[in-house]
Amino acid sequence: SERISIYPAEKISIYRPTRKFQFTALREFQFTCQTPFFRINLNGEFLLHQHVHTPNMVLHNTELRFHPISLGLREMIKEWERKNGQILPRQGATIVLKIDGPLDHPTVHGLKPN
């Protein structure tokens, strides 16, 4: 007998027709990275769909907080904003982006698509 175990998961459903596996799991995640030049915090939820050979990850309620520390990086961001005619949403000096959708084609709220 084949067995799939996923711990801890808030929601799991497993469908197994003729030895093909599918599962869906909603998970929270948190990622932090700090360098001398910037600090990134990424918090949210993802939904993982597994269909035989094509896994699909979808982001939900995800927030990216990017705090540029170095003056050079801040200037590069300002130049990007001028060049693209967009102002990134901020809280103080921290850029805050809300992200939803499939990982291979996410929707970044507050940005105009190019």
Protein backbone atom coordinates (compact mmCIF):
# COMPACT_ATOMS: atom_id res chain seq x y z
CA SER A 1 0.00 0.00 0.00
CA GLU A 2 1.27 3.49 -0.86
CA ARG A 3 1.14 6.24 1.70
CA ILE A 4 1.57 10.01 1.60
CA SER A 5 2.23 11.95 4.79
CA ILE A 6 2.40 15.72 5.00
CA TYR A 7 2.87 17.33 8.40
CA PRO A 8 1.84 19.90 9.56
CA ALA A 9 -0.75 21.04 7.04
CA GLU A 10 -3.90 22.99 7.70
CA LYS A 11 -5.87 21.50 4.81
CA ILE A 12 -5.04 18.34 2.94
CA SER A 13 -7.02 16.35 0.45
CA ILE A 14 -5.58 13.38 -1.35
CA TYR A 15 -7.11 11.86 -4.45
CA ARG A 16 -5.64 8.64 -5.74
CA PRO A 17 -7.22 7.18 -8.88
CA THR A 18 -5.24 4.26 -10.34
CA ARG A 19 -1.95 5.05 -8.63
CA LYS A 20 -1.89 8.74 -9.62
CA PHE A 21 -1.52 11.17 -6.74
CA GLN A 22 -3.00 14.63 -6.27
CA PHE A 23 -2.86 16.72 -3.14
CA THR A 24 -3.63 20.24 -2.10
CA ALA A 25 -2.10 21.81 1.00
CA LEU A 26 -2.51 25.36 2.31
CA ARG A 27 0.60 26.45 4.19
CA GLU A 28 1.90 29.64 5.76
CA PHE A 29 5.46 30.73 5.14
CA GLN A 30 7.90 33.38 6.27
CA PHE A 31 11.22 34.30 4.66
CA THR A 32 13.73 36.89 5.86
CA CYS A 33 16.99 37.92 4.27
CA GLN A 34 19.28 40.68 5.49
CA THR A 35 22.47 41.88 3.84
CA PRO A 36 24.50 45.08 4.31
CA PHE A 37 22.59 46.51 1.30
CA PHE A 38 18.94 45.51 1.88
CA ARG A 39 16.49 43.61 4.07
CA ILE A 40 13.63 41.48 2.70
CA ASN A 41 10.69 40.03 4.61
CA LEU A 42 8.24 37.80 2.74
CA ASN A 43 5.17 36.54 4.59
CA GLY A 44 2.08 34.82 3.28
CA GLU A 45 0.34 31.62 2.38
CA PHE A 46 0.68 29.28 -0.54
CA LEU A 47 -1.53 26.57 -1.93
CA LEU A 48 0.28 23.64 -3.50
CA HIS A 49 -1.56 21.59 -6.14
CA GLN A 50 0.17 18.36 -7.10
CA HIS A 51 -1.15 16.66 -10.23
CA VAL A 52 1.01 13.69 -11.23
CA HIS A 53 3.95 15.54 -12.88
CA THR A 54 2.82 19.17 -12.85
CA PRO A 55 3.02 20.80 -9.41
CA ASN A 56 1.46 24.25 -9.20
CA MET A 57 2.03 26.74 -6.39
CA VAL A 58 -0.40 29.64 -5.83
CA LEU A 59 0.38 32.54 -3.48
CA HIS A 60 -2.33 33.99 -1.20
CA ASN A 61 -2.22 37.03 1.09
CA THR A 62 1.51 37.41 0.50
CA GLU A 63 3.37 40.58 1.47
CA LEU A 64 6.89 41.46 0.36
CA ARG A 65 8.64 44.13 2.43
CA PHE A 66 11.87 45.37 0.83
CA HIS A 67 13.97 47.84 2.78
CA PRO A 68 16.90 49.22 0.76
CA ILE A 69 19.68 50.12 3.18
CA SER A 70 22.42 51.30 0.82
CA LEU A 71 22.20 54.72 -0.81
CA GLY A 72 23.28 53.27 -4.19
CA LEU A 73 20.41 50.77 -4.18
CA ARG A 74 17.92 53.49 -3.22
CA GLU A 75 19.12 55.58 -6.17
CA MET A 76 18.75 52.60 -8.53
CA ILE A 77 15.15 52.10 -7.36
CA LYS A 78 14.35 55.80 -7.82
CA GLU A 79 15.81 55.65 -11.34
CA TRP A 80 13.68 52.56 -12.14
CA GLU A 81 10.59 54.42 -10.90
CA ARG A 82 11.38 57.46 -13.08
CA LYS A 83 12.12 55.32 -16.14
CA ASN A 84 8.94 53.22 -15.77
CA GLY A 85 6.63 56.01 -14.60
CA GLN A 86 5.68 54.09 -11.46
CA ILE A 87 6.04 54.79 -7.77
CA LEU A 88 6.43 51.68 -5.66
CA PRO A 89 4.08 51.57 -2.65
CA ARG A 90 5.94 52.37 0.56
CA GLN A 91 5.60 52.54 4.31
CA GLY A 92 8.36 54.97 5.22
CA ALA A 93 11.46 53.87 3.31
CA THR A 94 10.23 50.25 3.05
CA ILE A 95 8.70 49.12 -0.25
CA VAL A 96 5.59 47.03 0.45
CA LEU A 97 4.10 44.83 -2.27
CA LYS A 98 1.04 42.57 -2.03
CA ILE A 99 1.34 39.44 -4.17
CA ASP A 100 -1.28 36.85 -5.17
CA GLY A 101 -1.68 34.23 -7.86
CA PRO A 102 0.29 31.40 -9.42
CA LEU A 103 4.01 31.43 -8.73
CA ASP A 104 4.83 31.31 -12.45
CA HIS A 105 2.64 34.38 -13.16
CA PRO A 106 1.87 36.29 -9.92
CA THR A 107 -0.17 39.46 -9.59
CA VAL A 108 1.78 42.22 -7.85
CA HIS A 109 -0.73 44.74 -6.53
CA GLY A 110 0.35 48.35 -6.88
CA LEU A 111 2.45 47.80 -10.02
CA LYS A 112 1.32 48.48 -13.56
CA PRO A 113 2.16 45.64 -15.97
CA ASN A 114 4.70 46.59 -18.67
